[in-house]
């Protein structure tokens, strides 16, 4: 839902990529796993490979969920900014089209949260 100010509202955003010292924000949502109530906000290096992001950042972030041990994130279904996306595990995030404040959604077929209840 957008918000309209009742006055001339001008400001310099503080979450610009220039303010992250060469890093960037990446949001990742794992639907049907509401033990994580919102997308992860991850600080990543734009030149790291997609595979490294999964192994070094996403897997540790999701490890507390019982489904995580069975999740094959590299073989999962992905969306990048709500568009179908097939990542190249050996290419950098930037080369995969993932830039500052991109939103990834990963769906792991057959894994639907605790007892299939989406939690």
Protein backbone atom coordinates (compact mmCIF):
# COMPACT_ATOMS: atom_id res chain seq x y z
CA UNK A 1 0.00 0.00 0.00
CA UNK A 2 1.48 3.33 -1.00
CA UNK A 3 1.41 6.37 1.20
CA UNK A 4 0.88 9.92 -0.02
CA UNK A 5 2.33 12.74 2.04
CA UNK A 6 0.15 15.77 2.61
CA UNK A 7 3.11 18.08 2.01
CA UNK A 8 6.23 18.26 -0.14
CA UNK A 9 8.27 15.38 1.28
CA UNK A 10 11.87 15.31 0.03
CA UNK A 11 14.62 13.27 1.58
CA UNK A 12 17.79 11.44 0.71
CA UNK A 13 17.22 7.67 1.08
CA UNK A 14 19.68 6.06 3.46
CA UNK A 15 19.44 2.61 1.91
CA UNK A 16 21.09 3.55 -1.40
CA UNK A 17 23.68 1.05 -2.63
CA UNK A 18 26.38 3.71 -2.24
CA UNK A 19 25.90 3.52 1.54
CA UNK A 20 26.72 -0.20 1.80
CA UNK A 21 30.49 -0.11 1.22
CA UNK A 22 30.47 -2.35 -1.84
CA UNK A 23 27.82 -4.71 -0.47
CA UNK A 24 24.14 -4.87 -1.35
CA UNK A 25 20.87 -5.88 0.25
CA UNK A 26 19.12 -9.00 -0.97
CA UNK A 27 15.69 -10.10 0.21
CA UNK A 28 14.86 -13.82 0.16
CA UNK A 29 11.42 -15.32 0.88
CA UNK A 30 10.81 -19.05 1.43
CA UNK A 31 7.01 -19.44 1.10
CA UNK A 32 5.18 -21.99 3.25
CA UNK A 33 7.85 -21.68 5.92
CA UNK A 34 6.29 -19.07 8.15
CA UNK A 35 8.59 -19.93 11.00
CA UNK A 36 10.38 -17.10 9.17
CA UNK A 37 7.61 -14.50 9.18
CA UNK A 38 9.14 -12.18 6.59
CA UNK A 39 11.75 -12.31 3.85
CA UNK A 40 15.33 -12.51 5.02
CA UNK A 41 17.24 -9.25 4.54
CA UNK A 42 20.75 -10.36 3.65
CA UNK A 43 23.90 -8.32 3.16
CA UNK A 44 25.79 -9.85 0.22
CA UNK A 45 28.75 -9.17 -2.01
CA UNK A 46 27.50 -8.50 -5.56
CA UNK A 47 30.37 -10.48 -7.07
CA UNK A 48 29.81 -13.65 -5.01
CA UNK A 49 28.41 -16.56 -6.98
CA UNK A 50 24.80 -17.58 -6.61
CA UNK A 51 25.96 -20.99 -5.38
CA UNK A 52 28.13 -19.36 -2.71
CA UNK A 53 25.20 -17.21 -1.59
CA UNK A 54 23.09 -20.36 -1.16
CA UNK A 55 25.81 -22.35 0.64
CA UNK A 56 27.33 -19.61 2.79
CA UNK A 57 24.34 -17.38 3.55
CA UNK A 58 20.94 -18.90 2.73
CA UNK A 59 21.51 -22.40 4.13
CA UNK A 60 22.81 -21.12 7.48
CA UNK A 61 19.94 -18.61 7.65
CA UNK A 62 17.33 -21.33 7.16
CA UNK A 63 19.07 -24.10 9.14
CA UNK A 64 16.81 -23.78 12.18
CA UNK A 65 13.78 -24.93 10.16
CA UNK A 66 13.19 -28.71 10.12
CA UNK A 67 12.63 -28.64 6.32
CA UNK A 68 16.00 -27.02 5.70
CA UNK A 69 17.94 -30.30 5.85
CA UNK A 70 15.85 -31.60 2.92
CA UNK A 71 15.81 -28.38 0.91
CA UNK A 72 17.72 -28.46 -2.37
CA UNK A 73 17.79 -24.72 -2.96
CA UNK A 74 19.82 -24.95 -6.17
CA UNK A 75 17.17 -27.26 -7.72
CA UNK A 76 14.26 -25.21 -6.34
CA UNK A 77 11.87 -22.95 -8.20
CA UNK A 78 12.95 -19.31 -8.08
CA UNK A 79 11.42 -15.92 -8.74
CA UNK A 80 13.49 -12.76 -9.10
CA UNK A 81 11.39 -9.67 -8.39
CA UNK A 82 8.23 -11.76 -8.98
CA UNK A 83 9.41 -13.03 -12.38
CA UNK A 84 10.40 -16.66 -13.11
CA UNK A 85 14.15 -17.03 -12.74
CA UNK A 86 16.67 -19.82 -13.37
CA UNK A 87 19.85 -18.98 -11.49
CA UNK A 88 23.32 -19.90 -12.70
CA UNK A 89 25.06 -21.21 -9.58
CA UNK A 90 28.51 -20.42 -11.01
CA UNK A 91 27.73 -16.84 -12.05
CA UNK A 92 27.89 -13.83 -9.75
CA UNK A 93 24.77 -12.32 -8.27
CA UNK A 94 25.17 -9.31 -10.56
CA UNK A 95 25.62 -11.55 -13.62
CA UNK A 96 22.41 -13.34 -12.58
CA UNK A 97 20.62 -9.96 -12.66
CA UNK A 98 20.43 -9.70 -8.87
CA UNK A 99 21.15 -6.17 -7.77
CA UNK A 100 20.67 -4.00 -4.69
CA UNK A 101 17.35 -4.68 -2.94
CA UNK A 102 16.32 -7.47 -5.31
CA UNK A 103 13.71 -9.90 -4.01
CA UNK A 104 14.22 -13.63 -4.48
CA UNK A 105 11.44 -16.11 -3.76
CA UNK A 106 12.45 -19.77 -3.49
CA UNK A 107 9.86 -22.55 -3.57
CA UNK A 108 10.91 -26.05 -2.60
CA UNK A 109 8.33 -28.50 -3.98
CA UNK A 110 7.27 -31.14 -1.47
CA UNK A 111 8.45 -29.08 1.50
CA UNK A 112 5.49 -27.23 2.94
CA UNK A 113 6.55 -26.36 6.46
CA UNK A 114 6.03 -28.22 9.70
CA UNK A 115 3.57 -31.09 9.18
CA UNK A 116 2.65 -29.55 5.81
CA UNK A 117 0.99 -26.67 7.65
CA UNK A 118 3.03 -23.87 6.07
CA UNK A 119 4.88 -23.04 9.27
